[in-house]
Structure formats: structure tokens, C-alpha cells
Amino acid sequence: MVQVPRRTGVSGPTLIRLLARLTDADIPQSRQSLADRLSLWLGWTDAIALSTVLDAGPPAVAASARISDSAEKREYERVRSTLAHAIADDRPFIAARPRAPALAQHAAPGAEAGYATYRQRYRAVQQAMETSIAKLRGRLRALLAAQTPAMARLAMVDAIMERSLSLHERRLLGTIPAMLEAHFERLRQAAQDTPEADAQAAEAPATAAPAPWLIAFRADMRSVLRAELDIRLQPIEGLLAALRAN
């Protein structure tokens, strides 16, 4: 049975704890407050824009009827469900498996898909998350901006924060596929080092099910993607909460 590295004592969001466990990383507890860490990501133009919005009087808004957040809640659930189904979809990996028996006989157990397939798939799901969530976020901001002056100010602040932090978010989340590659290689090497690995490689037919280590890796990758989705959806949940409170 393939053993996954485990490290205890790491706190923080589920995504951080998962990556620390899967990569056996030693992640020290940050001594900076959230505000201090965010300040390092804000450029001076963003800081000025944010300060201007916060210090200025409430923006004027056109009179509008009180809206129901049910339609936006349904759209949020639709986007989340669509992305969750994309994360669970195994068809790209099945399509990548070789069909010829000669290839299977010379492959390690579960080598039907090299890591390049998983890297490409992870990045494709990341792109789908980024596109769908950004569109929904803009829609919710437009609704907020048409409500009370306080809600319009919140929409402006959210727009500035998204513009300021999106590049940093993309850079940090973009490192995850490389982190998972190291986990993939450790699991594959551990499987190849078992005494029965050669016999399994020689006997496995081209249509054989994925090896246990690869099944475990796919489950880990899906867990990381779901945790990343939860983080990406947090601004949406905050805007929805504001709409409900309005």
C-alpha cells in the first residue's frame, strides 16, 4: 500500500494543510497579521485608490427596488456545481491511457498517463474556475452598486481588491501543479520499488484499471482542487452575504 507523507501541526485553510501533508513541507506559522500581509501585495496606486474610496463620502446611487438574492444564490450554486463536476471528471485521464498491449507491457503500473496530462488538466480546471468566478463576481458587484450607498462603496472596494490581488493569487495558485508533480513522482517511485512491481508491469493488459498509487494520486488532486475552489469562492460568498443583509 502506498504511503502518503503526513505532517501534523500545520494550521490555516484546508488548501494549505493539504499541500503541507502531500508535499511533506514544513510551513512555519506566519507572524504577520492579515492586514500586514495584504499590504505587501498592494501597489501604491492601489493603496491610494482604496484609501480614496474608504475616505470619500458614500457614492450616490439611483433609487432601486429591493432585490431578492435567490436568483444570484442559484447562479452561485450552478457555477459551483459545474466546477465541482469538472474537478470530478476522470475522462481526460482515461482517454490518455495507451491502448496497445506492447506499450502496457513496458510501462510501470499505472503509467498510462504521465504527469503532463495531470498538469494540463489541473491548469484547465484552474482557468475554468478563474473565468467563471470572475464573471459571477462582476455580476454581484453590479447588483450591489445599484443598491444603497454603503453597498456601492463595498462594490468599489471589492473591485479594487480583485484588481490588486488577482496577479498575486494567480502566481501563487499557479505553483500548485508543480507541487503535485513531486507528490506524483514520489507515489510512482514508491510503487516501482515494491517487489511485485515488475510482475505487475509485465502482466497488466492495455485496458487494466489504474494502479492503486495512481488512484490515490487522482483522489489527492481532486481534494486539492476542491480546496482551491473553496478559497476562490470566498469573495463570492462575501458579496452574497452583503446582498442578503441589504
C-alpha atoms as a PDB file:
ATOM      1  CA  MET A   1       0.000   0.000   0.000  1.00  0.00           C
ATOM      2  CA  VAL A   2       1.326   3.433  -0.986  1.00  0.00           C
ATOM      3  CA  GLN A   3       2.032   5.651   1.987  1.00  0.00           C
ATOM      4  CA  VAL A   4       1.424   9.396   1.688  1.00  0.00           C
ATOM      5  CA  PRO A   5       3.674  11.738   3.679  1.00  0.00           C
ATOM      6  CA  ARG A   6       1.845  13.228   6.633  1.00  0.00           C
ATOM      7  CA  ARG A   7       2.788  16.232   8.682  1.00  0.00           C
ATOM      8  CA  THR A   8       0.896  17.475  11.673  1.00  0.00           C
ATOM      9  CA  GLY A   9       0.796  20.866  13.310  1.00  0.00           C
ATOM     10  CA  VAL A  10       0.103  22.964  10.179  1.00  0.00           C
ATOM     11  CA  SER A  11      -2.787  25.376  10.624  1.00  0.00           C
ATOM     12  CA  GLY A  12      -4.621  27.525   8.127  1.00  0.00           C
ATOM     13  CA  PRO A  13      -7.018  26.924   5.222  1.00  0.00           C
ATOM     14  CA  THR A  14      -7.697  23.390   4.035  1.00  0.00           C
ATOM     15  CA  LEU A  15      -5.669  24.020   0.874  1.00  0.00           C
ATOM     16  CA  ILE A  16      -2.538  24.883   2.861  1.00  0.00           C
ATOM     17  CA  ARG A  17      -2.934  21.892   5.164  1.00  0.00           C
ATOM     18  CA  LEU A  18      -3.457  19.537   2.217  1.00  0.00           C
ATOM     19  CA  LEU A  19      -0.400  20.771   0.357  1.00  0.00           C
ATOM     20  CA  ALA A  20       1.713  20.566   3.508  1.00  0.00           C
ATOM     21  CA  ARG A  21       0.649  16.960   4.008  1.00  0.00           C
ATOM     22  CA  LEU A  22       1.084  15.865   0.397  1.00  0.00           C
ATOM     23  CA  THR A  23       4.440  17.576  -0.133  1.00  0.00           C
ATOM     24  CA  ASP A  24       5.785  16.991   3.384  1.00  0.00           C
ATOM     25  CA  ALA A  25       6.509  20.710   3.526  1.00  0.00           C
ATOM     26  CA  ASP A  26       7.494  22.444   6.739  1.00  0.00           C
ATOM     27  CA  ILE A  27       5.356  25.612   6.667  1.00  0.00           C
ATOM     28  CA  PRO A  28       6.128  27.973   9.556  1.00  0.00           C
ATOM     29  CA  GLN A  29       3.326  29.924  11.179  1.00  0.00           C
ATOM     30  CA  SER A  30       3.284  33.491   9.877  1.00  0.00           C
ATOM     31  CA  ARG A  31       3.903  36.191  12.479  1.00  0.00           C
ATOM     32  CA  GLN A  32       2.313  38.893  10.336  1.00  0.00           C
ATOM     33  CA  SER A  33      -1.293  39.933  10.602  1.00  0.00           C
ATOM     34  CA  LEU A  34      -3.566  39.562   7.600  1.00  0.00           C
ATOM     35  CA  ALA A  35      -3.540  43.334   7.059  1.00  0.00           C
ATOM     36  CA  ASP A  36       0.271  43.398   7.065  1.00  0.00           C
ATOM     37  CA  ARG A  37       0.476  40.561   4.556  1.00  0.00           C
ATOM     38  CA  LEU A  38      -2.067  42.192   2.256  1.00  0.00           C
ATOM     39  CA  SER A  39      -0.206  45.486   2.396  1.00  0.00           C
ATOM     40  CA  LEU A  40       2.792  43.801   0.774  1.00  0.00           C
ATOM     41  CA  TRP A  41       0.654  42.931  -2.230  1.00  0.00           C
ATOM     42  CA  LEU A  42      -0.933  46.350  -2.723  1.00  0.00           C
ATOM     43  CA  GLY A  43       0.872  48.727  -5.026  1.00  0.00           C
ATOM     44  CA  TRP A  44       0.942  52.404  -4.182  1.00  0.00           C
ATOM     45  CA  THR A  45      -1.668  53.224  -6.848  1.00  0.00           C
ATOM     46  CA  ASP A  46      -3.976  50.545  -5.466  1.00  0.00           C
ATOM     47  CA  ALA A  47      -3.443  51.803  -1.922  1.00  0.00           C
ATOM     48  CA  ILE A  48      -4.352  55.343  -2.994  1.00  0.00           C
ATOM     49  CA  ALA A  49      -7.469  54.139  -4.816  1.00  0.00           C
ATOM     50  CA  LEU A  50      -8.552  52.090  -1.816  1.00  0.00           C
ATOM     51  CA  SER A  51      -7.940  54.963   0.572  1.00  0.00           C
ATOM     52  CA  THR A  52      -9.905  57.332  -1.669  1.00  0.00           C
ATOM     53  CA  VAL A  53     -12.927  55.041  -1.711  1.00  0.00           C
ATOM     54  CA  LEU A  54     -12.847  54.469   2.043  1.00  0.00           C
ATOM     55  CA  ASP A  55     -12.345  58.139   2.955  1.00  0.00           C
ATOM     56  CA  ALA A  56     -14.805  59.648   0.484  1.00  0.00           C
ATOM     57  CA  GLY A  57     -18.469  60.145   1.171  1.00  0.00           C
ATOM     58  CA  PRO A  58     -20.906  57.412   0.160  1.00  0.00           C
ATOM     59  CA  PRO A  59     -21.380  57.322  -3.625  1.00  0.00           C
ATOM     60  CA  ALA A  60     -24.746  58.314  -4.987  1.00  0.00           C
ATOM     61  CA  VAL A  61     -26.897  55.528  -6.377  1.00  0.00           C
ATOM     62  CA  ALA A  62     -30.078  55.555  -8.376  1.00  0.00           C
ATOM     63  CA  ALA A  63     -33.206  54.590  -6.492  1.00  0.00           C
ATOM     64  CA  SER A  64     -33.926  50.909  -6.966  1.00  0.00           C
ATOM     65  CA  ALA A  65     -36.265  48.324  -5.593  1.00  0.00           C
ATOM     66  CA  ARG A  66     -35.069  45.887  -3.009  1.00  0.00           C
ATOM     67  CA  ILE A  67     -33.836  42.811  -4.828  1.00  0.00           C
ATOM     68  CA  SER A  68     -34.135  39.159  -3.967  1.00  0.00           C
ATOM     69  CA  ASP A  69     -30.852  37.287  -3.718  1.00  0.00           C
ATOM     70  CA  SER A  70     -32.451  33.972  -4.664  1.00  0.00           C
ATOM     71  CA  ALA A  71     -31.540  34.243  -8.352  1.00  0.00           C
ATOM     72  CA  GLU A  72     -27.933  35.092  -7.514  1.00  0.00           C
ATOM     73  CA  LYS A  73     -27.799  32.259  -4.995  1.00  0.00           C
ATOM     74  CA  ARG A  74     -28.999  29.867  -7.689  1.00  0.00           C
ATOM     75  CA  GLU A  75     -26.356  31.168 -10.089  1.00  0.00           C
ATOM     76  CA  TYR A  76     -23.698  30.689  -7.415  1.00  0.00           C
ATOM     77  CA  GLU A  77     -24.855  27.112  -6.858  1.00  0.00           C
ATOM     78  CA  ARG A  78     -24.837  26.478 -10.614  1.00  0.00           C
ATOM     79  CA  VAL A  79     -21.283  27.767 -11.006  1.00  0.00           C
ATOM     80  CA  ARG A  80     -20.079  25.811  -8.002  1.00  0.00           C
ATOM     81  CA  SER A  81     -21.772  22.620  -9.206  1.00  0.00           C
ATOM     82  CA  THR A  82     -20.356  22.983 -12.723  1.00  0.00           C
ATOM     83  CA  LEU A  83     -16.827  23.442 -11.395  1.00  0.00           C
ATOM     84  CA  ALA A  84     -17.227  20.568  -8.928  1.00  0.00           C
ATOM     85  CA  HIS A  85     -18.263  18.271 -11.778  1.00  0.00           C
ATOM     86  CA  ALA A  86     -15.230  19.391 -13.787  1.00  0.00           C
ATOM     87  CA  ILE A  87     -12.985  18.504 -10.849  1.00  0.00           C
ATOM     88  CA  ALA A  88     -14.562  15.047 -10.538  1.00  0.00           C
ATOM     89  CA  ASP A  89     -14.356  14.282 -14.267  1.00  0.00           C
ATOM     90  CA  ASP A  90     -11.857  11.456 -14.910  1.00  0.00           C
ATOM     91  CA  ARG A  91     -12.452  11.178 -18.666  1.00  0.00           C
ATOM     92  CA  PRO A  92      -9.322  13.133 -19.722  1.00  0.00           C
ATOM     93  CA  PHE A  93      -7.158  10.644 -17.816  1.00  0.00           C
ATOM     94  CA  ILE A  94      -8.921   7.606 -19.250  1.00  0.00           C
ATOM     95  CA  ALA A  95      -8.505   8.964 -22.775  1.00  0.00           C
ATOM     96  CA  ALA A  96      -4.770   9.394 -22.154  1.00  0.00           C
ATOM     97  CA  ARG A  97      -4.181   5.691 -21.418  1.00  0.00           C
ATOM     98  CA  PRO A  98      -2.339   3.726 -24.143  1.00  0.00           C
ATOM     99  CA  ARG A  99      -4.292   1.051 -25.955  1.00  0.00           C
ATOM    100  CA  ALA A 100      -1.546  -1.112 -27.452  1.00  0.00           C
ATOM    101  CA  PRO A 101      -0.543  -4.143 -25.350  1.00  0.00           C
ATOM    102  CA  ALA A 102       3.117  -3.576 -26.266  1.00  0.00           C
ATOM    103  CA  LEU A 103       3.042  -0.187 -24.560  1.00  0.00           C
ATOM    104  CA  ALA A 104       1.390  -1.542 -21.445  1.00  0.00           C
ATOM    105  CA  GLN A 105       3.940  -4.337 -21.101  1.00  0.00           C
ATOM    106  CA  HIS A 106       6.811  -1.864 -20.932  1.00  0.00           C
ATOM    107  CA  ALA A 107       5.100   0.585 -18.590  1.00  0.00           C
ATOM    108  CA  ALA A 108       5.234   0.778 -14.844  1.00  0.00           C
ATOM    109  CA  PRO A 109       1.980   0.008 -13.026  1.00  0.00           C
ATOM    110  CA  GLY A 110      -0.433   2.887 -13.617  1.00  0.00           C
ATOM    111  CA  ALA A 111       1.874   4.683 -16.033  1.00  0.00           C
ATOM    112  CA  GLU A 112      -0.995   5.022 -18.513  1.00  0.00           C
ATOM    113  CA  ALA A 113      -0.927   8.777 -18.018  1.00  0.00           C
ATOM    114  CA  GLY A 114       2.278  10.719 -17.380  1.00  0.00           C
ATOM    115  CA  TYR A 115       2.191  13.765 -15.168  1.00  0.00           C
ATOM    116  CA  ALA A 116       1.928  16.102 -18.157  1.00  0.00           C
ATOM    117  CA  THR A 117      -1.696  15.001 -18.520  1.00  0.00           C
ATOM    118  CA  TYR A 118      -2.439  15.904 -14.900  1.00  0.00           C
ATOM    119  CA  ARG A 119      -0.604  19.230 -15.104  1.00  0.00           C
ATOM    120  CA  GLN A 120      -2.612  20.185 -18.170  1.00  0.00           C
ATOM    121  CA  ARG A 121      -5.848  19.084 -16.545  1.00  0.00           C
ATOM    122  CA  TYR A 122      -5.154  20.977 -13.307  1.00  0.00           C
ATOM    123  CA  ARG A 123      -4.394  24.174 -15.187  1.00  0.00           C
ATOM    124  CA  ALA A 124      -7.503  23.779 -17.354  1.00  0.00           C
ATOM    125  CA  VAL A 125      -9.707  23.485 -14.263  1.00  0.00           C
ATOM    126  CA  GLN A 126      -7.937  26.477 -12.698  1.00  0.00           C
ATOM    127  CA  GLN A 127      -8.681  28.520 -15.819  1.00  0.00           C
ATOM    128  CA  ALA A 128     -12.337  27.441 -15.730  1.00  0.00           C
ATOM    129  CA  MET A 129     -12.575  28.478 -12.073  1.00  0.00           C
ATOM    130  CA  GLU A 130     -10.934  31.833 -12.709  1.00  0.00           C
ATOM    131  CA  THR A 131     -13.158  32.673 -15.682  1.00  0.00           C
ATOM    132  CA  SER A 132     -16.488  31.563 -14.177  1.00  0.00           C
ATOM    133  CA  ILE A 133     -15.896  33.105 -10.756  1.00  0.00           C
ATOM    134  CA  ALA A 134     -14.661  36.431 -12.148  1.00  0.00           C
ATOM    135  CA  LYS A 135     -17.818  36.728 -14.260  1.00  0.00           C
ATOM    136  CA  LEU A 136     -20.078  35.989 -11.287  1.00  0.00           C
ATOM    137  CA  ARG A 137     -18.114  38.360  -9.054  1.00  0.00           C
ATOM    138  CA  GLY A 138     -18.578  41.203 -11.528  1.00  0.00           C
ATOM    139  CA  ARG A 139     -22.290  40.471 -11.751  1.00  0.00           C
ATOM    140  CA  LEU A 140     -22.696  40.610  -7.981  1.00  0.00           C
ATOM    141  CA  ARG A 141     -20.752  43.879  -7.769  1.00  0.00           C
ATOM    142  CA  ALA A 142     -23.069  45.438 -10.349  1.00  0.00           C
ATOM    143  CA  LEU A 143     -26.068  44.450  -8.246  1.00  0.00           C
ATOM    144  CA  LEU A 144     -24.510  45.856  -5.088  1.00  0.00           C
ATOM    145  CA  ALA A 145     -23.618  49.120  -6.817  1.00  0.00           C
ATOM    146  CA  ALA A 146     -27.294  49.667  -7.640  1.00  0.00           C
ATOM    147  CA  GLN A 147     -28.408  49.326  -4.022  1.00  0.00           C
ATOM    148  CA  THR A 148     -27.541  51.561  -1.072  1.00  0.00           C
ATOM    149  CA  PRO A 149     -24.535  53.915  -0.954  1.00  0.00           C
ATOM    150  CA  ALA A 150     -22.859  51.603   1.569  1.00  0.00           C
ATOM    151  CA  MET A 151     -23.296  48.643  -0.785  1.00  0.00           C
ATOM    152  CA  ALA A 152     -21.997  50.692  -3.708  1.00  0.00           C
ATOM    153  CA  ARG A 153     -18.878  51.511  -1.692  1.00  0.00           C
ATOM    154  CA  LEU A 154     -18.397  47.826  -0.899  1.00  0.00           C
ATOM    155  CA  ALA A 155     -18.616  47.019  -4.607  1.00  0.00           C
ATOM    156  CA  MET A 156     -15.917  49.589  -5.355  1.00  0.00           C
ATOM    157  CA  VAL A 157     -13.651  48.198  -2.638  1.00  0.00           C
ATOM    158  CA  ASP A 158     -14.120  44.662  -3.959  1.00  0.00           C
ATOM    159  CA  ALA A 159     -13.247  45.776  -7.497  1.00  0.00           C
ATOM    160  CA  ILE A 160     -10.020  47.371  -6.269  1.00  0.00           C
ATOM    161  CA  MET A 161      -9.080  44.317  -4.211  1.00  0.00           C
ATOM    162  CA  GLU A 162      -9.717  41.968  -7.114  1.00  0.00           C
ATOM    163  CA  ARG A 163      -7.613  44.072  -9.456  1.00  0.00           C
ATOM    164  CA  SER A 164      -4.823  44.418  -6.891  1.00  0.00           C
ATOM    165  CA  LEU A 165      -4.623  40.821  -5.718  1.00  0.00           C
ATOM    166  CA  SER A 166      -5.530  38.794  -8.789  1.00  0.00           C
ATOM    167  CA  LEU A 167      -1.997  38.647 -10.193  1.00  0.00           C
ATOM    168  CA  HIS A 168      -0.566  37.529  -6.847  1.00  0.00           C
ATOM    169  CA  GLU A 169      -3.326  34.959  -6.462  1.00  0.00           C
ATOM    170  CA  ARG A 170      -2.681  33.600  -9.967  1.00  0.00           C
ATOM    171  CA  ARG A 171       1.061  33.380  -9.314  1.00  0.00           C
ATOM    172  CA  LEU A 172       0.677  31.548  -6.008  1.00  0.00           C
ATOM    173  CA  LEU A 173      -2.027  29.147  -7.164  1.00  0.00           C
ATOM    174  CA  GLY A 174      -0.032  28.550 -10.330  1.00  0.00           C
ATOM    175  CA  THR A 175       2.678  26.838  -8.278  1.00  0.00           C
ATOM    176  CA  ILE A 176       0.329  24.040  -7.164  1.00  0.00           C
ATOM    177  CA  PRO A 177       0.727  21.827 -10.271  1.00  0.00           C
ATOM    178  CA  ALA A 178       4.493  21.679  -9.714  1.00  0.00           C
ATOM    179  CA  MET A 179       3.966  20.795  -6.062  1.00  0.00           C
ATOM    180  CA  LEU A 180       1.643  17.974  -7.049  1.00  0.00           C
ATOM    181  CA  GLU A 181       4.155  16.708  -9.601  1.00  0.00           C
ATOM    182  CA  ALA A 182       6.610  15.963  -6.804  1.00  0.00           C
ATOM    183  CA  HIS A 183       3.857  14.059  -4.968  1.00  0.00           C
ATOM    184  CA  PHE A 184       3.044  12.143  -8.182  1.00  0.00           C
ATOM    185  CA  GLU A 185       6.666  11.105  -8.653  1.00  0.00           C
ATOM    186  CA  ARG A 186       7.044  10.010  -5.027  1.00  0.00           C
ATOM    187  CA  LEU A 187       3.979   7.794  -5.261  1.00  0.00           C
ATOM    188  CA  ARG A 188       5.083   6.311  -8.570  1.00  0.00           C
ATOM    189  CA  GLN A 189       8.604   5.638  -7.341  1.00  0.00           C
ATOM    190  CA  ALA A 190       7.301   4.005  -4.170  1.00  0.00           C
ATOM    191  CA  ALA A 191       5.112   1.699  -6.291  1.00  0.00           C
ATOM    192  CA  GLN A 192       8.010   0.812  -8.595  1.00  0.00           C
ATOM    193  CA  ASP A 193      10.209  -0.038  -5.638  1.00  0.00           C
ATOM    194  CA  THR A 194       7.862  -2.784  -4.409  1.00  0.00           C
ATOM    195  CA  PRO A 195       8.979  -6.399  -5.155  1.00  0.00           C
ATOM    196  CA  GLU A 196       5.872  -7.161  -7.228  1.00  0.00           C
ATOM    197  CA  ALA A 197       6.142  -4.081  -9.468  1.00  0.00           C
ATOM    198  CA  ASP A 198       7.926  -5.835 -12.375  1.00  0.00           C
ATOM    199  CA  ALA A 199       5.439  -8.699 -12.423  1.00  0.00           C
ATOM    200  CA  GLN A 200       2.522  -6.302 -12.454  1.00  0.00           C
ATOM    201  CA  ALA A 201       4.014  -4.295 -15.332  1.00  0.00           C
ATOM    202  CA  ALA A 202       4.521  -7.434 -17.440  1.00  0.00           C
ATOM    203  CA  GLU A 203       1.077  -8.884 -16.802  1.00  0.00           C
ATOM    204  CA  ALA A 204      -1.069  -5.718 -16.972  1.00  0.00           C
ATOM    205  CA  PRO A 205      -3.283  -5.622 -20.088  1.00  0.00           C
ATOM    206  CA  ALA A 206      -3.731  -2.383 -22.009  1.00  0.00           C
ATOM    207  CA  THR A 207      -7.232  -1.970 -20.602  1.00  0.00           C
ATOM    208  CA  ALA A 208      -6.237  -2.628 -16.977  1.00  0.00           C
ATOM    209  CA  ALA A 209      -7.584  -0.315 -14.292  1.00  0.00           C
ATOM    210  CA  PRO A 210      -5.217   2.353 -12.955  1.00  0.00           C
ATOM    211  CA  ALA A 211      -2.720   1.190 -10.348  1.00  0.00           C
ATOM    212  CA  PRO A 212      -3.573   1.891  -6.681  1.00  0.00           C
ATOM    213  CA  TRP A 213      -0.954   4.632  -6.411  1.00  0.00           C
ATOM    214  CA  LEU A 214      -2.457   6.470  -9.378  1.00  0.00           C
ATOM    215  CA  ILE A 215      -5.972   6.154  -8.000  1.00  0.00           C
ATOM    216  CA  ALA A 216      -4.655   7.637  -4.737  1.00  0.00           C
ATOM    217  CA  PHE A 217      -2.974  10.492  -6.601  1.00  0.00           C
ATOM    218  CA  ARG A 218      -6.141  11.341  -8.516  1.00  0.00           C
ATOM    219  CA  ALA A 219      -8.085  11.472  -5.256  1.00  0.00           C
ATOM    220  CA  ASP A 220      -5.432  13.769  -3.747  1.00  0.00           C
ATOM    221  CA  MET A 221      -5.509  16.050  -6.782  1.00  0.00           C
ATOM    222  CA  ARG A 222      -9.288  16.305  -6.622  1.00  0.00           C
ATOM    223  CA  SER A 223      -9.087  17.162  -2.917  1.00  0.00           C
ATOM    224  CA  VAL A 224      -6.606  19.965  -3.648  1.00  0.00           C
ATOM    225  CA  LEU A 225      -8.758  21.324  -6.472  1.00  0.00           C
ATOM    226  CA  ARG A 226     -11.852  21.327  -4.253  1.00  0.00           C
ATOM    227  CA  ALA A 227      -9.930  23.171  -1.532  1.00  0.00           C
ATOM    228  CA  GLU A 228      -8.720  25.703  -4.109  1.00  0.00           C
ATOM    229  CA  LEU A 229     -12.284  26.169  -5.329  1.00  0.00           C
ATOM    230  CA  ASP A 230     -13.421  26.917  -1.776  1.00  0.00           C
ATOM    231  CA  ILE A 231     -10.795  29.662  -1.485  1.00  0.00           C
ATOM    232  CA  ARG A 232     -11.644  31.175  -4.865  1.00  0.00           C
ATOM    233  CA  LEU A 233     -15.344  31.286  -3.939  1.00  0.00           C
ATOM    234  CA  GLN A 234     -14.851  33.181  -0.677  1.00  0.00           C
ATOM    235  CA  PRO A 235     -15.229  36.663  -2.247  1.00  0.00           C
ATOM    236  CA  ILE A 236     -18.430  35.497  -3.950  1.00  0.00           C
ATOM    237  CA  GLU A 237     -19.822  34.269  -0.645  1.00  0.00           C
ATOM    238  CA  GLY A 238     -18.973  37.599   0.953  1.00  0.00           C
ATOM    239  CA  LEU A 239     -20.811  39.549  -1.769  1.00  0.00           C
ATOM    240  CA  LEU A 240     -23.809  37.259  -1.477  1.00  0.00           C
ATOM    241  CA  ALA A 241     -23.868  37.808   2.282  1.00  0.00           C
ATOM    242  CA  ALA A 242     -23.876  41.557   1.679  1.00  0.00           C
ATOM    243  CA  LEU A 243     -26.817  41.230  -0.709  1.00  0.00           C
ATOM    244  CA  ARG A 244     -28.756  39.186   1.842  1.00  0.00           C
ATOM    245  CA  ALA A 245     -28.077  41.767   4.540  1.00  0.00           C
ATOM    246  CA  ASN A 246     -29.180  44.659   2.370  1.00  0.00           C
END
